[in-house]
Amino acid sequence: MVIGVVLAISTLAAVGGAGRSGASATSINSAPVPGGQRVAIASAQARHIKHIVVLDLENRSFDNVLGFWCKKEPGRCPAGGMPRRVKLSNGAVVRPTVDPDIVPDVVHTVKGQALAMNHGKMNGWDKIEGCHPNQGYACISGYKPRQEPNIISLANRFAISDRTFSMKDSPSWGGHIYVVAASLDGFTGMIPWRERGTPKGPGWGCDSGMTTEWVDPATHQIKDVPSCVPDPSLRLPNGGAYKPTPVAYEPTIMDRLNAAGLSWKIYGGKRGQRGYEWSICPTFAECLYTRQDAHLVTDKRFFTDAKAGALPSFSVITPGGSYAGDSCHNFASNTACDNFVGQVASALMTGPEWHATALFITWDDCGCFYDQVPPRRNPDGTQQGPRLPLMIVSPYAKPGYTDDTRATFEDILAFVEQTFKLAPLGVNDAQAYPFSKSFNYSQSPLKPVHMVHRALPKGEHIDWAQLRQDDT
């Protein structure tokens, strides 16, 4: 990091993020629900839901996680379960296989995901590394219900969406931007890299000294720019980026919450810890270089807060310092991931704030495993990425329900905005569907379900170095 930025940071610590509230309070289009009913749902939602938690796991498609379960529960999956056979672009007809506990190592770059989707034909997986014919088409695969007992118990008891897509065909860096923002701000979502001679810092964000791809809105050409959403109002050199950047400021849901006086936290990897790359806050100069940075805490802290009844209004969990190996990532253990899902869900269900909580469990990108349902385009015209699993765990989630309304991560933001009466951040969340059909605030609150903890298969261990290398 350049010296000027370091010196300026110390003066900003006392300033804090202003929490811009720029956008007008555009009404949220909540899909095919009549207007009066929408108002009633939003009012009930605001009365009953006080804590929204997003567990953002790594790198899995809907069919990979829930496809085999869907075959046994056909009524739960209108889009269909894992097909018996998949015909690929090279003409091969492949029978989906059952994955081993260690998640197969498949390339999931921007280019890889675009190749796999193959212009919506959903048959290009033979073109990506890790899924070639001589690699046994390892990504045409999934997990059986017995291999993920916690995930399946939650899917059975609570609500799922079988039509939620990633906002773009981007791996984790871009995938984590749109957890809190209404767009990728022009970035392609490609994992940042280090150029020779640049300042060396941790992670992938504004303090990393790294570079990534960005699409110039005027010329539509791809440029290499700092992997940072700058904020010129901070009066830092380059708005907090390590060098001049054409990227525009982008508001986040954290800004809206700050302006409304509501609490929030990102439970992830702190600077110097594993998983800092995934921690969201460092990507935004406004978060990293202001008081907002204090809202980034360790992933372990979530369990303390849940037990103490100290959850914020909104929180995101990105498995980081202590739980990076439990994240579902390629080359990690599926058992460890299912255990972690159970830990998070159990901490909420047995905690004092369960009666007022909604937990969204999702995965940030396809990983890049097969999925059969083609994505569409976002309201801003950008291409969506592959379909991802989404489970909604709450006392007010409709039991055993599947929401078949098309959605993206922006629909979770719309749910947050509707719950707390916040203005949308942009066109994507303003026109999103806030999962209205997945909740029933008149029902008897659902009871917790028992979660299990299983030992890792004998001889298994998490190779963090390999896991991290796989995502760079």
Protein backbone atom coordinates (compact mmCIF):
# COMPACT_ATOMS: atom_id res chain seq x y z
CA MET A 1 0.00 0.00 0.00
CA VAL A 2 1.33 3.49 -0.80
CA ILE A 3 2.48 5.61 2.13
CA GLY A 4 -0.07 8.34 1.43
CA VAL A 5 -2.92 5.89 1.90
CA VAL A 6 -1.47 4.53 5.14
CA LEU A 7 -1.08 8.01 6.63
CA ALA A 8 -4.57 9.04 5.59
CA ILE A 9 -6.12 5.93 7.13
CA SER A 10 -5.09 6.96 10.62
CA THR A 11 -6.94 10.25 10.27
CA LEU A 12 -10.03 8.50 8.94
CA ALA A 13 -10.41 6.11 11.85
CA ALA A 14 -12.30 8.74 13.78
CA VAL A 15 -14.44 9.79 10.85
CA GLY A 16 -16.40 6.67 9.94
CA GLY A 17 -18.39 5.94 6.82
CA ALA A 18 -21.02 8.52 6.14
CA GLY A 19 -23.47 5.87 4.96
CA ARG A 20 -24.77 7.54 1.81
CA SER A 21 -28.47 7.08 1.24
CA GLY A 22 -28.42 8.33 -2.35
CA ALA A 23 -31.10 6.32 -4.16
CA SER A 24 -34.73 7.27 -4.00
CA ALA A 25 -37.10 4.88 -2.24
CA THR A 26 -38.24 3.05 -5.37
CA SER A 27 -40.95 0.53 -4.61
CA ILE A 28 -39.83 -3.09 -4.67
CA ASN A 29 -41.46 -5.22 -7.32
CA SER A 30 -42.29 -8.33 -5.34
CA ALA A 31 -43.26 -10.57 -8.27
CA PRO A 32 -46.71 -12.04 -8.87
CA VAL A 33 -48.33 -10.98 -5.57
CA PRO A 34 -51.23 -8.47 -5.61
CA GLY A 35 -50.40 -4.97 -4.35
CA GLY A 36 -52.51 -5.02 -1.18
CA GLN A 37 -51.20 -8.45 -0.26
CA ARG A 38 -47.63 -7.22 -0.82
CA VAL A 39 -48.15 -4.41 1.67
CA ALA A 40 -49.62 -6.82 4.24
CA ILE A 41 -46.72 -9.26 3.79
CA ALA A 42 -44.14 -6.48 4.14
CA SER A 43 -45.82 -5.21 7.30
CA ALA A 44 -45.94 -8.69 8.87
CA GLN A 45 -42.36 -9.30 7.82
CA ALA A 46 -41.16 -6.13 9.55
CA ARG A 47 -43.02 -7.10 12.74
CA HIS A 48 -41.69 -10.66 12.92
CA ILE A 49 -38.17 -10.59 11.44
CA LYS A 50 -35.55 -8.63 13.38
CA HIS A 51 -32.40 -10.54 12.38
CA ILE A 52 -31.39 -11.60 8.87
CA VAL A 53 -28.37 -13.89 8.48
CA VAL A 54 -26.79 -14.88 5.16
CA LEU A 55 -24.48 -17.91 5.22
CA ASP A 56 -22.48 -17.57 2.01
CA LEU A 57 -20.71 -20.86 1.28
CA GLU A 58 -18.36 -21.71 -1.58
CA ASN A 59 -18.66 -23.09 -5.05
CA ARG A 60 -21.58 -25.45 -5.65
CA SER A 61 -24.45 -25.64 -8.12
CA PHE A 62 -28.05 -26.47 -7.23
CA ASP A 63 -27.93 -29.87 -8.91
CA ASN A 64 -24.65 -30.74 -7.22
CA VAL A 65 -26.06 -30.12 -3.72
CA LEU A 66 -29.76 -30.94 -4.09
CA GLY A 67 -30.16 -32.69 -7.45
CA PHE A 68 -30.13 -36.27 -6.11
CA TRP A 69 -32.41 -35.26 -3.21
CA CYS A 70 -34.81 -33.71 -5.74
CA LYS A 71 -35.14 -37.08 -7.51
CA LYS A 72 -36.52 -38.54 -4.26
CA GLU A 73 -38.67 -35.45 -3.61
CA PRO A 74 -40.08 -34.63 -7.06
CA GLY A 75 -42.82 -32.41 -5.66
CA ARG A 76 -40.18 -30.16 -4.12
CA CYS A 77 -38.32 -29.46 -7.34
CA PRO A 78 -40.49 -28.25 -10.23
CA ALA A 79 -37.36 -27.73 -12.31
CA GLY A 80 -36.55 -31.42 -11.95
CA GLY A 81 -33.94 -33.45 -10.09
CA MET A 82 -30.56 -34.64 -11.27
CA PRO A 83 -31.12 -36.04 -14.77
CA ARG A 84 -30.31 -39.69 -15.47
CA ARG A 85 -28.08 -38.64 -18.35
CA VAL A 86 -26.53 -35.39 -19.54
CA LYS A 87 -25.69 -34.75 -23.19
CA LEU A 88 -22.65 -32.49 -23.55
CA SER A 89 -21.54 -30.18 -26.34
CA ASN A 90 -19.03 -32.76 -27.62
CA GLY A 91 -21.87 -35.26 -28.12
CA ALA A 92 -20.94 -37.38 -25.10
CA VAL A 93 -23.83 -38.72 -23.02
CA VAL A 94 -22.74 -38.84 -19.39
CA ARG A 95 -24.41 -40.44 -16.41
CA PRO A 96 -24.04 -38.15 -13.33
CA THR A 97 -21.83 -39.68 -10.65
CA VAL A 98 -21.79 -39.44 -6.86
CA ASP A 99 -19.00 -37.22 -5.56
CA PRO A 100 -16.41 -38.30 -2.99
CA ASP A 101 -16.19 -36.43 0.28
CA ILE A 102 -13.37 -34.21 -1.00
CA VAL A 103 -15.12 -31.85 -3.40
CA PRO A 104 -13.71 -32.32 -6.95
CA ASP A 105 -11.28 -29.65 -8.12
CA VAL A 106 -13.01 -28.02 -11.09
CA VAL A 107 -12.11 -24.68 -12.69
CA HIS A 108 -14.74 -22.02 -11.94
CA THR A 109 -13.33 -18.86 -13.52
CA VAL A 110 -15.48 -16.31 -15.37
CA LYS A 111 -14.44 -17.92 -18.67
CA GLY A 112 -15.03 -21.42 -17.30
CA GLN A 113 -18.55 -20.65 -16.16
CA ALA A 114 -19.41 -19.01 -19.48
CA LEU A 115 -18.08 -22.05 -21.35
CA ALA A 116 -20.11 -24.40 -19.13
CA MET A 117 -23.36 -22.46 -19.67
CA ASN A 118 -22.63 -22.36 -23.44
CA HIS A 119 -25.04 -19.53 -24.26
CA GLY A 120 -27.82 -21.08 -22.17
CA LYS A 121 -27.56 -24.59 -23.62
CA MET A 122 -26.14 -25.79 -20.25
CA ASN A 123 -24.03 -28.44 -21.99
CA GLY A 124 -20.50 -27.02 -22.14
CA TRP A 125 -19.03 -28.63 -19.03
CA ASP A 126 -16.80 -30.82 -21.20
CA LYS A 127 -14.88 -27.63 -22.10
CA ILE A 128 -13.64 -26.76 -18.61
CA GLU A 129 -10.55 -27.99 -16.77
CA GLY A 130 -11.39 -30.66 -14.22
CA CYS A 131 -14.29 -31.96 -16.30
CA HIS A 132 -12.65 -33.17 -19.49
CA PRO A 133 -13.34 -36.70 -20.77
CA ASN A 134 -9.97 -37.93 -19.45
CA GLN A 135 -10.93 -36.53 -16.04
CA GLY A 136 -14.09 -38.59 -15.96
CA TYR A 137 -16.43 -35.60 -16.36
CA ALA A 138 -15.98 -35.05 -12.62
CA CYS A 139 -18.26 -32.02 -12.52
CA ILE A 140 -21.30 -33.91 -13.84
CA SER A 141 -21.92 -35.07 -10.31
CA GLY A 142 -23.56 -34.43 -6.98
CA TYR A 143 -24.02 -35.54 -3.39
CA LYS A 144 -26.55 -38.05 -2.11
CA PRO A 145 -28.76 -37.05 0.85
CA ARG A 146 -26.86 -39.41 3.16
CA GLN A 147 -23.68 -37.39 2.50
CA GLU A 148 -25.18 -34.08 3.72
CA PRO A 149 -27.65 -34.87 6.53
CA ASN A 150 -27.83 -31.34 7.96
CA ILE A 151 -28.41 -29.67 4.60
CA ILE A 152 -31.12 -32.20 3.76
CA SER A 153 -32.81 -31.92 7.18
CA LEU A 154 -33.07 -28.16 6.70
CA ALA A 155 -34.34 -28.55 3.12
CA ASN A 156 -36.98 -31.03 4.30
CA ARG A 157 -38.26 -28.91 7.19
CA PHE A 158 -38.00 -25.36 5.84
CA ALA A 159 -38.23 -23.58 2.46
CA ILE A 160 -35.92 -23.79 -0.53
CA SER A 161 -35.70 -21.88 -3.80
CA ASP A 162 -35.05 -23.96 -6.90
CA ARG A 163 -34.75 -20.93 -9.21
CA THR A 164 -32.06 -18.75 -7.59
CA PHE A 165 -29.11 -17.85 -9.81
CA SER A 166 -25.78 -16.21 -9.20
CA MET A 167 -25.90 -12.62 -10.37
CA LYS A 168 -23.04 -13.19 -12.79
CA ASP A 169 -20.75 -15.96 -13.99
CA SER A 170 -18.08 -14.94 -11.49
CA PRO A 171 -16.06 -16.84 -8.86
CA SER A 172 -15.76 -15.83 -5.21
CA TRP A 173 -14.39 -12.28 -5.39
CA GLY A 174 -17.19 -11.06 -7.64
CA GLY A 175 -19.67 -13.42 -6.02
CA HIS A 176 -19.12 -11.74 -2.68
CA ILE A 177 -19.53 -8.21 -4.06
CA TYR A 178 -23.18 -8.74 -4.95
CA VAL A 179 -23.98 -10.16 -1.52
CA VAL A 180 -23.96 -6.54 -0.33
CA ALA A 181 -24.16 -4.43 -3.52
CA ALA A 182 -26.73 -4.27 -6.31
CA SER A 183 -24.24 -4.86 -9.12
CA LEU A 184 -20.65 -5.83 -9.85
CA ASP A 185 -19.87 -2.16 -10.51
CA GLY A 186 -18.49 -3.04 -13.95
CA PHE A 187 -16.08 -5.74 -12.74
CA THR A 188 -16.16 -9.06 -14.57
CA GLY A 189 -15.82 -10.76 -11.18
CA MET A 190 -12.50 -12.40 -12.05
CA ILE A 191 -10.29 -13.34 -9.10
CA PRO A 192 -7.67 -10.56 -8.63
CA TRP A 193 -3.99 -11.13 -9.41
CA ARG A 194 -0.75 -9.38 -8.47
CA GLU A 195 1.16 -7.42 -11.07
CA ARG A 196 4.91 -7.01 -10.83
CA GLY A 197 5.99 -3.93 -8.89
CA THR A 198 2.67 -3.28 -7.15
CA PRO A 199 2.43 -2.84 -3.35
CA LYS A 200 1.94 -6.17 -1.64
CA GLY A 201 -0.96 -6.51 0.80
CA PRO A 202 -3.30 -9.18 2.14
CA GLY A 203 -6.46 -10.52 0.57
CA TRP A 204 -8.00 -9.43 -2.72
CA GLY A 205 -9.43 -5.97 -1.99
CA CYS A 206 -8.37 -2.33 -1.68
CA ASP A 207 -5.43 -3.10 0.64
CA SER A 208 -4.16 -6.03 -1.46
CA GLY A 209 -2.39 -4.13 -4.24
CA MET A 210 -4.06 -6.52 -6.67
CA THR A 211 -5.57 -6.06 -10.12
CA THR A 212 -8.66 -7.44 -11.81
CA GLU A 213 -10.82 -6.99 -14.93
CA TRP A 214 -13.35 -4.20 -15.38
CA VAL A 215 -15.58 -3.37 -18.36
CA ASP A 216 -15.47 0.26 -19.50
CA PRO A 217 -19.14 1.32 -19.87
CA ALA A 218 -18.25 3.77 -22.65
CA THR A 219 -16.22 1.44 -24.88
CA HIS A 220 -17.28 -1.98 -23.50
CA GLN A 221 -13.59 -2.90 -23.52
CA ILE A 222 -12.04 -4.85 -20.64
CA LYS A 223 -9.40 -2.97 -18.66
CA ASP A 224 -7.09 -4.05 -15.85
CA VAL A 225 -7.83 -1.97 -12.74
CA PRO A 226 -7.28 -2.19 -8.96
CA SER A 227 -9.58 -4.73 -7.28
CA CYS A 228 -11.23 -2.01 -5.23
CA VAL A 229 -14.51 -0.11 -5.20
CA PRO A 230 -13.18 3.39 -4.47
CA ASP A 231 -14.85 6.19 -2.54
CA PRO A 232 -13.61 9.66 -3.58
CA SER A 233 -15.35 11.27 -0.58
CA LEU A 234 -12.77 9.66 1.74
CA ARG A 235 -10.08 12.04 0.42
CA LEU A 236 -7.63 9.18 0.13
CA PRO A 237 -5.32 8.91 -2.88
CA ASN A 238 -7.27 7.25 -5.70
CA GLY A 239 -10.31 6.91 -3.45
CA GLY A 240 -8.55 4.14 -1.52
CA ALA A 241 -7.23 2.14 -4.50
CA TYR A 242 -3.50 1.53 -4.88
CA LYS A 243 -3.38 3.49 -8.14
CA PRO A 244 -5.76 5.67 -10.21
CA THR A 245 -8.91 3.81 -11.19
CA PRO A 246 -11.89 4.55 -13.47
CA VAL A 247 -14.21 2.45 -11.27
CA ALA A 248 -17.16 4.36 -9.78
CA TYR A 249 -18.29 4.43 -6.16
CA GLU A 250 -20.95 1.81 -5.43
CA PRO A 251 -23.20 1.97 -2.33
CA THR A 252 -23.81 -1.15 -0.25
CA ILE A 253 -26.51 -2.50 2.02
CA MET A 254 -24.19 -1.55 4.89
CA ASP A 255 -24.63 2.11 3.93
CA ARG A 256 -28.41 1.78 4.00
CA LEU A 257 -28.29 0.07 7.40
CA ASN A 258 -25.96 2.72 8.81
CA ALA A 259 -28.22 5.53 7.59
CA ALA A 260 -31.19 3.82 9.28
CA GLY A 261 -29.29 3.33 12.55
CA LEU A 262 -29.40 -0.48 12.21
CA SER A 263 -26.65 -2.87 13.21
CA TRP A 264 -24.72 -5.22 10.92
CA LYS A 265 -21.68 -7.49 10.91
CA ILE A 266 -19.63 -9.51 8.46
CA TYR A 267 -18.41 -12.67 10.18
CA GLY A 268 -15.32 -13.68 8.20
CA GLY A 269 -11.56 -13.69 8.14
CA LYS A 270 -9.87 -10.69 9.72
CA ARG A 271 -6.74 -9.15 8.19
CA GLY A 272 -3.90 -11.65 8.53
CA GLN A 273 -6.25 -14.63 8.85
CA ARG A 274 -7.24 -17.33 6.40
CA GLY A 275 -10.31 -16.37 4.43
CA TYR A 276 -9.59 -12.62 4.44
CA GLU A 277 -9.94 -12.84 0.64
CA TRP A 278 -13.63 -13.68 1.06
CA SER A 279 -14.47 -11.12 3.75
CA ILE A 280 -16.30 -8.60 1.49
CA CYS A 281 -15.42 -5.46 3.49
CA PRO A 282 -11.85 -5.04 2.08
CA THR A 283 -13.22 -4.78 -1.47
CA PHE A 284 -15.02 -1.52 -0.60
CA ALA A 285 -12.81 1.44 0.35
CA GLU A 286 -15.73 2.91 2.28
CA CYS A 287 -15.87 -0.19 4.45
CA LEU A 288 -12.15 -0.86 4.79
CA TYR A 289 -10.96 2.67 5.59
CA THR A 290 -13.72 3.92 7.88
CA ARG A 291 -15.47 2.85 11.05
CA GLN A 292 -17.36 0.31 8.98
CA ASP A 293 -14.25 -1.86 9.21
CA ALA A 294 -15.05 -2.52 12.89
CA HIS A 295 -18.10 -4.47 11.68
CA LEU A 296 -15.81 -7.12 10.13
CA VAL A 297 -15.28 -9.65 12.92
CA THR A 298 -14.04 -13.23 13.05
CA ASP A 299 -16.30 -16.02 11.85
CA LYS A 300 -16.00 -17.58 15.32
CA ARG A 301 -17.68 -14.51 16.83
CA PHE A 302 -20.97 -15.52 15.21
CA PHE A 303 -21.47 -18.38 17.63
CA THR A 304 -20.80 -16.14 20.64
CA ASP A 305 -23.26 -13.52 19.42
CA ALA A 306 -25.95 -16.08 18.56
CA LYS A 307 -25.72 -17.69 22.01
CA ALA A 308 -25.76 -14.33 23.80
CA GLY A 309 -28.74 -12.97 21.87
CA ALA A 310 -26.51 -10.28 20.40
CA LEU A 311 -27.08 -10.77 16.67
CA PRO A 312 -27.14 -7.59 14.55
CA SER A 313 -30.05 -6.71 12.29
CA PHE A 314 -28.14 -8.03 9.27
CA SER A 315 -25.12 -10.28 9.03
CA VAL A 316 -23.16 -12.23 6.46
CA ILE A 317 -21.04 -15.27 7.32
CA THR A 318 -18.16 -16.02 4.96
CA PRO A 319 -16.25 -18.98 6.43
CA GLY A 320 -12.87 -17.43 7.11
CA GLY A 321 -10.20 -17.60 9.79
CA SER A 322 -11.44 -20.63 11.71
CA TYR A 323 -13.83 -22.20 9.21
CA ALA A 324 -12.28 -21.69 5.75
CA GLY A 325 -11.87 -25.44 5.35
CA ASP A 326 -15.56 -25.92 6.17
CA SER A 327 -16.73 -23.68 3.34
CA CYS A 328 -17.76 -26.35 0.74
CA HIS A 329 -14.93 -25.15 -1.52
CA ASN A 330 -13.47 -27.36 -4.22
CA PHE A 331 -10.76 -29.52 -2.65
CA ALA A 332 -12.40 -29.24 0.81
CA SER A 333 -14.45 -31.79 2.73
CA ASN A 334 -18.18 -32.03 2.11
CA THR A 335 -18.61 -33.54 5.58
CA ALA A 336 -16.87 -30.53 7.13
CA CYS A 337 -19.14 -28.21 5.18
CA ASP A 338 -22.31 -30.02 6.22
CA ASN A 339 -21.10 -29.95 9.84
CA PHE A 340 -20.58 -26.19 9.58
CA VAL A 341 -24.05 -25.65 8.12
CA GLY A 342 -25.39 -27.63 11.08
CA GLN A 343 -23.37 -25.55 13.56
CA VAL A 344 -24.66 -22.26 12.15
CA ALA A 345 -28.28 -23.40 11.93
CA SER A 346 -28.16 -24.96 15.40
CA ALA A 347 -26.65 -21.81 16.93
CA LEU A 348 -29.62 -19.83 15.61
CA MET A 349 -32.33 -22.41 16.29
CA THR A 350 -31.24 -22.91 19.91
CA GLY A 351 -30.43 -19.24 20.54
CA PRO A 352 -32.67 -16.66 22.20
CA GLU A 353 -33.37 -14.81 18.93
CA TRP A 354 -34.63 -17.75 16.85
CA HIS A 355 -38.21 -16.46 17.07
CA ALA A 356 -37.26 -13.35 15.09
CA THR A 357 -34.65 -14.67 12.63
CA ALA A 358 -34.43 -15.54 8.94
CA LEU A 359 -31.37 -17.48 7.76
CA PHE A 360 -30.55 -17.65 4.05
CA ILE A 361 -28.07 -20.45 3.26
CA THR A 362 -26.53 -20.18 -0.19
CA TRP A 363 -23.37 -20.77 -2.22
CA ASP A 364 -21.44 -18.05 -4.05
CA ASP A 365 -20.84 -19.72 -7.43
CA CYS A 366 -21.22 -23.04 -9.27
CA GLY A 367 -17.78 -24.34 -8.51
CA CYS A 368 -18.27 -25.24 -11.48
CA PHE A 369 -20.61 -28.21 -11.21
CA TYR A 370 -23.34 -29.18 -13.62
CA ASP A 371 -26.75 -27.56 -13.46
CA GLN A 372 -29.57 -28.02 -15.94
CA VAL A 373 -31.56 -24.76 -15.68
CA PRO A 374 -30.45 -21.86 -17.93
CA PRO A 375 -30.09 -18.42 -16.33
CA ARG A 376 -31.56 -15.22 -17.75
CA ARG A 377 -30.50 -11.58 -17.56
CA ASN A 378 -30.60 -9.16 -14.63
CA PRO A 379 -32.77 -6.02 -14.81
CA ASP A 380 -29.64 -4.01 -15.72
CA GLY A 381 -29.10 -6.23 -18.76
CA THR A 382 -26.12 -8.20 -17.46
CA GLN A 383 -25.98 -11.98 -17.82
CA GLN A 384 -26.78 -14.09 -14.77
CA GLY A 385 -24.61 -17.05 -13.79
CA PRO A 386 -25.52 -20.67 -12.99
CA ARG A 387 -28.27 -21.75 -10.60
CA LEU A 388 -27.28 -22.13 -6.94
CA PRO A 389 -28.86 -23.81 -3.90
CA LEU A 390 -30.80 -21.56 -1.53
CA MET A 391 -32.45 -22.61 1.72
CA ILE A 392 -34.57 -20.32 3.90
CA VAL A 393 -34.54 -21.30 7.56
CA SER A 394 -36.90 -19.42 9.87
CA PRO A 395 -39.81 -20.06 12.24
CA TYR A 396 -41.93 -18.36 9.58
CA ALA A 397 -40.58 -20.19 6.53
CA LYS A 398 -43.28 -22.30 4.93
CA PRO A 399 -42.56 -25.88 5.95
CA GLY A 400 -41.42 -28.18 3.15
CA TYR A 401 -42.00 -25.44 0.57
CA THR A 402 -40.26 -24.74 -2.72
CA ASP A 403 -40.29 -21.20 -4.07
CA ASP A 404 -40.16 -21.49 -7.84
CA THR A 405 -39.99 -17.75 -8.54
CA ARG A 406 -36.83 -16.77 -10.41
CA ALA A 407 -34.38 -14.92 -8.18
CA THR A 408 -30.74 -13.93 -7.66
CA PHE A 409 -28.71 -12.77 -4.67
CA GLU A 410 -30.35 -9.36 -5.18
CA ASP A 411 -33.62 -10.84 -4.02
CA ILE A 412 -32.03 -11.46 -0.62
CA LEU A 413 -31.09 -7.78 -0.58
CA ALA A 414 -34.69 -6.95 -1.48
CA PHE A 415 -35.84 -9.03 1.50
CA VAL A 416 -33.47 -7.04 3.76
CA GLU A 417 -34.68 -3.75 2.32
CA GLN A 418 -38.34 -4.67 2.67
CA THR A 419 -37.87 -5.92 6.24
CA PHE A 420 -36.11 -2.78 7.43
CA LYS A 421 -37.80 -0.29 5.08
CA LEU A 422 -34.61 0.66 3.25
CA ALA A 423 -34.31 2.23 -0.19
CA PRO A 424 -32.99 -0.02 -2.98
CA LEU A 425 -29.37 0.33 -4.04
CA GLY A 426 -30.05 0.12 -7.78
CA VAL A 427 -32.24 -1.28 -10.51
CA ASN A 428 -31.42 -4.94 -9.78
CA ASP A 429 -32.65 -4.99 -6.20
CA ALA A 430 -35.42 -2.44 -6.92
CA GLN A 431 -36.94 -4.94 -9.36
CA ALA A 432 -36.13 -8.03 -7.29
CA TYR A 433 -38.52 -10.48 -5.67
CA PRO A 434 -38.14 -10.54 -1.84
CA PHE A 435 -39.14 -14.21 -1.37
CA SER A 436 -42.64 -13.21 -0.27
CA LYS A 437 -44.08 -16.64 -1.08
CA SER A 438 -41.53 -18.46 1.10
CA PHE A 439 -42.89 -17.08 4.38
CA ASN A 440 -46.13 -17.38 6.34
CA TYR A 441 -46.22 -15.01 9.31
CA SER A 442 -49.59 -16.38 10.45
CA GLN A 443 -48.42 -19.96 10.93
CA SER A 444 -47.40 -21.50 14.25
CA PRO A 445 -43.63 -20.83 14.40
CA LEU A 446 -41.61 -23.83 13.26
CA LYS A 447 -39.59 -25.72 15.84
CA PRO A 448 -35.83 -26.26 15.50
CA VAL A 449 -34.54 -29.43 13.86
CA HIS A 450 -31.75 -31.54 15.28
CA MET A 451 -28.36 -31.09 13.60
CA VAL A 452 -25.61 -33.73 13.65
CA HIS A 453 -21.82 -33.59 13.70
CA ARG A 454 -19.88 -36.30 11.87
CA ALA A 455 -16.19 -37.17 11.97
CA LEU A 456 -14.25 -36.55 8.77
CA PRO A 457 -13.53 -39.72 6.79
CA LYS A 458 -10.39 -41.46 8.02
CA GLY A 459 -7.15 -39.99 6.74
CA GLU A 460 -8.76 -36.79 5.47
CA HIS A 461 -7.39 -33.36 6.23
CA ILE A 462 -7.97 -29.89 4.86
CA ASP A 463 -5.14 -28.66 2.63
CA TRP A 464 -5.62 -24.91 2.98
CA ALA A 465 -2.71 -24.09 0.68
CA GLN A 466 -4.22 -26.17 -2.13
CA LEU A 467 -7.69 -24.80 -1.45
CA ARG A 468 -6.44 -21.21 -1.65
CA GLN A 469 -4.40 -21.90 -4.78
CA ASP A 470 -7.46 -23.35 -6.46
CA ASP A 471 -9.27 -20.02 -6.14
CA THR A 472 -6.49 -17.80 -7.51
